[in-house]
C-alpha atoms as a PDB file:
ATOM      1  CA  UNK A   1     -23.528 -11.550  77.500  1.00  0.00           C
ATOM      2  CA  UNK A   2     -27.063 -12.804  77.066  1.00  0.00           C
ATOM      3  CA  UNK A   3     -28.347 -16.083  75.667  1.00  0.00           C
ATOM      4  CA  UNK A   4     -26.800 -18.181  72.940  1.00  0.00           C
ATOM      5  CA  UNK A   5     -27.803 -18.216  69.276  1.00  0.00           C
ATOM      6  CA  UNK A   6     -28.390 -21.697  67.812  1.00  0.00           C
ATOM      7  CA  UNK A   7     -26.372 -22.424  64.657  1.00  0.00           C
ATOM      8  CA  UNK A   8     -27.942 -25.122  62.442  1.00  0.00           C
ATOM      9  CA  UNK A   9     -24.851 -25.397  60.190  1.00  0.00           C
ATOM     10  CA  UNK A  10     -21.537 -24.496  61.840  1.00  0.00           C
ATOM     11  CA  UNK A  11     -19.517 -24.504  58.605  1.00  0.00           C
ATOM     12  CA  UNK A  12     -21.920 -22.162  56.803  1.00  0.00           C
ATOM     13  CA  UNK A  13     -21.992 -19.882  59.854  1.00  0.00           C
ATOM     14  CA  UNK A  14     -18.200 -19.632  60.213  1.00  0.00           C
ATOM     15  CA  UNK A  15     -17.420 -19.091  56.529  1.00  0.00           C
ATOM     16  CA  UNK A  16     -15.815 -15.703  55.822  1.00  0.00           C
ATOM     17  CA  UNK A  17     -13.526 -13.286  57.619  1.00  0.00           C
ATOM     18  CA  UNK A  18     -13.463 -12.483  61.357  1.00  0.00           C
ATOM     19  CA  UNK A  19     -11.592  -9.966  63.504  1.00  0.00           C
ATOM     20  CA  UNK A  20      -9.932 -11.776  66.410  1.00  0.00           C
ATOM     21  CA  UNK A  21      -8.926 -10.585  69.886  1.00  0.00           C
ATOM     22  CA  UNK A  22      -7.499 -13.097  72.369  1.00  0.00           C
ATOM     23  CA  UNK A  23      -6.367 -12.660  75.933  1.00  0.00           C
ATOM     24  CA  UNK A  24      -3.900 -15.165  77.367  1.00  0.00           C
ATOM     25  CA  UNK A  25      -3.220 -15.461  81.088  1.00  0.00           C
ATOM     26  CA  UNK A  26      -0.762 -17.711  82.829  1.00  0.00           C
ATOM     27  CA  UNK A  27      -2.694 -18.383  86.026  1.00  0.00           C
ATOM     28  CA  UNK A  28       0.389 -19.630  87.881  1.00  0.00           C
ATOM     29  CA  UNK A  29       2.712 -16.681  87.195  1.00  0.00           C
ATOM     30  CA  UNK A  30       0.181 -13.938  86.461  1.00  0.00           C
ATOM     31  CA  UNK A  31       1.853 -13.186  83.092  1.00  0.00           C
ATOM     32  CA  UNK A  32      -0.512 -11.846  80.432  1.00  0.00           C
ATOM     33  CA  UNK A  33      -0.563 -11.506  76.696  1.00  0.00           C
ATOM     34  CA  UNK A  34      -2.910 -10.743  73.849  1.00  0.00           C
ATOM     35  CA  UNK A  35      -3.387 -11.611  70.203  1.00  0.00           C
ATOM     36  CA  UNK A  36      -5.009  -9.315  67.644  1.00  0.00           C
ATOM     37  CA  UNK A  37      -5.548 -10.269  64.031  1.00  0.00           C
ATOM     38  CA  UNK A  38      -7.855 -11.835  61.472  1.00  0.00           C
ATOM     39  CA  UNK A  39      -9.183 -15.327  60.886  1.00  0.00           C
ATOM     40  CA  UNK A  40     -10.456 -16.343  57.456  1.00  0.00           C
ATOM     41  CA  UNK A  41     -12.531 -19.500  56.999  1.00  0.00           C
ATOM     42  CA  UNK A  42     -12.192 -20.405  53.306  1.00  0.00           C
ATOM     43  CA  UNK A  43     -13.661 -23.414  51.436  1.00  0.00           C
ATOM     44  CA  UNK A  44     -11.756 -26.692  51.134  1.00  0.00           C
ATOM     45  CA  UNK A  45     -12.357 -29.164  48.292  1.00  0.00           C
ATOM     46  CA  UNK A  46     -13.820 -31.750  50.718  1.00  0.00           C
ATOM     47  CA  UNK A  47     -16.649 -29.454  51.852  1.00  0.00           C
ATOM     48  CA  UNK A  48     -14.847 -28.240  54.950  1.00  0.00           C
ATOM     49  CA  UNK A  49     -13.187 -24.937  55.777  1.00  0.00           C
ATOM     50  CA  UNK A  50      -9.571 -23.880  56.124  1.00  0.00           C
ATOM     51  CA  UNK A  51      -9.078 -21.713  59.246  1.00  0.00           C
ATOM     52  CA  UNK A  52      -6.175 -19.314  58.773  1.00  0.00           C
ATOM     53  CA  UNK A  53      -5.387 -16.956  61.652  1.00  0.00           C
ATOM     54  CA  UNK A  54      -2.799 -14.190  61.198  1.00  0.00           C
ATOM     55  CA  UNK A  55      -1.896 -11.346  63.534  1.00  0.00           C
ATOM     56  CA  UNK A  56       0.341 -10.143  66.335  1.00  0.00           C
ATOM     57  CA  UNK A  57       0.802 -11.903  69.665  1.00  0.00           C
ATOM     58  CA  UNK A  58       2.113  -9.670  72.441  1.00  0.00           C
ATOM     59  CA  UNK A  59       3.472 -11.518  75.476  1.00  0.00           C
ATOM     60  CA  UNK A  60       4.641  -9.476  78.467  1.00  0.00           C
ATOM     61  CA  UNK A  61       4.947  -6.394  76.259  1.00  0.00           C
ATOM     62  CA  UNK A  62       6.903  -8.037  73.416  1.00  0.00           C
ATOM     63  CA  UNK A  63       4.990  -8.207  70.083  1.00  0.00           C
ATOM     64  CA  UNK A  64       5.637 -11.041  67.615  1.00  0.00           C
ATOM     65  CA  UNK A  65       3.934 -12.129  64.381  1.00  0.00           C
ATOM     66  CA  UNK A  66       1.734 -15.180  64.917  1.00  0.00           C
ATOM     67  CA  UNK A  67      -0.325 -17.477  62.742  1.00  0.00           C
ATOM     68  CA  UNK A  68      -2.260 -20.715  62.985  1.00  0.00           C
ATOM     69  CA  UNK A  69      -3.975 -23.007  60.507  1.00  0.00           C
ATOM     70  CA  UNK A  70      -6.741 -25.518  61.280  1.00  0.00           C
ATOM     71  CA  UNK A  71      -9.126 -27.605  59.199  1.00  0.00           C
ATOM     72  CA  UNK A  72     -12.842 -27.588  60.001  1.00  0.00           C
ATOM     73  CA  UNK A  73     -14.269 -30.692  58.314  1.00  0.00           C
ATOM     74  CA  UNK A  74     -17.905 -31.808  58.115  1.00  0.00           C
ATOM     75  CA  UNK A  75     -18.807 -33.596  61.353  1.00  0.00           C
ATOM     76  CA  UNK A  76     -20.607 -36.902  61.936  1.00  0.00           C
ATOM     77  CA  UNK A  77     -24.048 -35.286  62.025  1.00  0.00           C
ATOM     78  CA  UNK A  78     -25.424 -32.483  59.823  1.00  0.00           C
ATOM     79  CA  UNK A  79     -24.318 -29.010  60.871  1.00  0.00           C
ATOM     80  CA  UNK A  80     -21.397 -30.155  63.068  1.00  0.00           C
ATOM     81  CA  UNK A  81     -17.636 -30.019  62.494  1.00  0.00           C
ATOM     82  CA  UNK A  82     -14.583 -32.176  63.097  1.00  0.00           C
ATOM     83  CA  UNK A  83     -11.746 -29.732  63.859  1.00  0.00           C
ATOM     84  CA  UNK A  84      -8.232 -30.857  62.973  1.00  0.00           C
ATOM     85  CA  UNK A  85      -4.750 -29.411  63.088  1.00  0.00           C
ATOM     86  CA  UNK A  86      -3.165 -28.435  59.758  1.00  0.00           C
ATOM     87  CA  UNK A  87      -1.343 -31.801  59.618  1.00  0.00           C
ATOM     88  CA  UNK A  88      -4.624 -33.726  59.988  1.00  0.00           C
ATOM     89  CA  UNK A  89      -4.328 -34.721  63.660  1.00  0.00           C
ATOM     90  CA  UNK A  90      -7.649 -34.509  65.562  1.00  0.00           C
ATOM     91  CA  UNK A  91      -8.195 -31.393  67.699  1.00  0.00           C
ATOM     92  CA  UNK A  92     -11.842 -31.377  68.839  1.00  0.00           C
ATOM     93  CA  UNK A  93     -15.457 -31.813  67.816  1.00  0.00           C
ATOM     94  CA  UNK A  94     -17.799 -28.844  67.406  1.00  0.00           C
ATOM     95  CA  UNK A  95     -21.587 -28.736  67.584  1.00  0.00           C
ATOM     96  CA  UNK A  96     -23.146 -25.267  67.845  1.00  0.00           C
ATOM     97  CA  UNK A  97     -26.744 -26.324  67.160  1.00  0.00           C
ATOM     98  CA  UNK A  98     -27.669 -24.926  70.606  1.00  0.00           C
ATOM     99  CA  UNK A  99     -25.253 -21.986  70.295  1.00  0.00           C
ATOM    100  CA  UNK A 100     -23.067 -23.430  73.073  1.00  0.00           C
ATOM    101  CA  UNK A 101     -20.555 -26.300  73.116  1.00  0.00           C
ATOM    102  CA  UNK A 102     -18.022 -27.804  75.513  1.00  0.00           C
ATOM    103  CA  UNK A 103     -15.212 -30.084  74.422  1.00  0.00           C
ATOM    104  CA  UNK A 104     -11.838 -31.427  75.584  1.00  0.00           C
ATOM    105  CA  UNK A 105      -8.496 -31.961  73.872  1.00  0.00           C
ATOM    106  CA  UNK A 106      -5.823 -34.045  75.641  1.00  0.00           C
ATOM    107  CA  UNK A 107      -2.347 -32.871  74.576  1.00  0.00           C
ATOM    108  CA  UNK A 108       0.508 -34.978  75.945  1.00  0.00           C
ATOM    109  CA  UNK A 109       0.290 -34.318  79.723  1.00  0.00           C
ATOM    110  CA  UNK A 110      -1.987 -31.256  79.402  1.00  0.00           C
ATOM    111  CA  UNK A 111      -5.760 -31.076  79.071  1.00  0.00           C
ATOM    112  CA  UNK A 112      -7.435 -28.316  77.058  1.00  0.00           C
ATOM    113  CA  UNK A 113     -11.076 -27.721  78.069  1.00  0.00           C
ATOM    114  CA  UNK A 114     -12.899 -25.638  75.498  1.00  0.00           C
ATOM    115  CA  UNK A 115     -16.160 -23.735  75.605  1.00  0.00           C
ATOM    116  CA  UNK A 116     -17.754 -22.162  72.516  1.00  0.00           C
ATOM    117  CA  UNK A 117     -20.518 -19.538  72.700  1.00  0.00           C
ATOM    118  CA  UNK A 118     -22.397 -17.913  69.796  1.00  0.00           C
ATOM    119  CA  UNK A 119     -24.036 -14.579  70.696  1.00  0.00           C
ATOM    120  CA  UNK A 120     -25.454 -13.592  67.305  1.00  0.00           C
ATOM    121  CA  UNK A 121     -24.625 -14.043  63.626  1.00  0.00           C
ATOM    122  CA  UNK A 122     -21.608 -11.727  63.929  1.00  0.00           C
ATOM    123  CA  UNK A 123     -20.107 -12.539  67.364  1.00  0.00           C
ATOM    124  CA  UNK A 124     -18.836 -15.680  69.070  1.00  0.00           C
ATOM    125  CA  UNK A 125     -16.292 -16.603  71.737  1.00  0.00           C
ATOM    126  CA  UNK A 126     -14.014 -19.493  72.621  1.00  0.00           C
ATOM    127  CA  UNK A 127     -12.593 -20.075  76.083  1.00  0.00           C
ATOM    128  CA  UNK A 128      -9.828 -22.623  76.610  1.00  0.00           C
ATOM    129  CA  UNK A 129      -8.676 -23.593  80.097  1.00  0.00           C
ATOM    130  CA  UNK A 130      -5.340 -25.415  79.868  1.00  0.00           C
ATOM    131  CA  UNK A 131      -4.079 -27.458  82.767  1.00  0.00           C
ATOM    132  CA  UNK A 132      -1.221 -29.871  83.270  1.00  0.00           C
ATOM    133  CA  UNK A 133       2.167 -30.263  84.893  1.00  0.00           C
ATOM    134  CA  UNK A 134       3.694 -27.356  82.936  1.00  0.00           C
ATOM    135  CA  UNK A 135       0.634 -25.255  82.045  1.00  0.00           C
ATOM    136  CA  UNK A 136      -2.063 -23.382  83.908  1.00  0.00           C
ATOM    137  CA  UNK A 137      -3.556 -20.984  81.367  1.00  0.00           C
ATOM    138  CA  UNK A 138      -6.774 -19.286  80.346  1.00  0.00           C
ATOM    139  CA  UNK A 139      -7.261 -18.221  76.712  1.00  0.00           C
ATOM    140  CA  UNK A 140     -10.365 -16.209  75.777  1.00  0.00           C
ATOM    141  CA  UNK A 141     -10.916 -15.364  72.104  1.00  0.00           C
ATOM    142  CA  UNK A 142     -13.605 -13.052  70.742  1.00  0.00           C
ATOM    143  CA  UNK A 143     -14.532 -13.214  67.057  1.00  0.00           C
ATOM    144  CA  UNK A 144     -16.416 -10.432  65.257  1.00  0.00           C
ATOM    145  CA  UNK A 145     -17.486 -10.921  61.638  1.00  0.00           C
ATOM    146  CA  UNK A 146     -15.950  -8.561  59.091  1.00  0.00           C
ATOM    147  CA  UNK A 147     -18.687  -7.311  56.791  1.00  0.00           C
ATOM    148  CA  UNK A 148     -17.950  -6.260  53.223  1.00  0.00           C
ATOM    149  CA  UNK A 149     -19.802  -3.155  52.156  1.00  0.00           C
END
């Protein structure tokens, strides 16, 4: 894909509904899976957004329902976000003012290295490389905005 699109206000940009497609690869075993579904970013009372992802995760040919909830809160500087798990634990920071962001999330013995790329107002991607004693994975998620007509 080409260059990145700067996003002056990440919460305003993400608000709404997105189609989601994620590929998951276990780099050690070669096993693969995919997720297909929808993510809705809806307003929270504190000015942040509730991220609610719902869909089907298929791992090695076996489909299962899957969902995830995160909280995208206003970050320390205008236009940024503080991303947290549903229970309030910190996940990562997010600053898309250049259209591109890298961040890390230590999780017990594993390290999640994230990269965020905004291509235009309707398309963005996250890539998470997970490494540790029990994990060696690559997760690539493409988001496409759902437009209401």
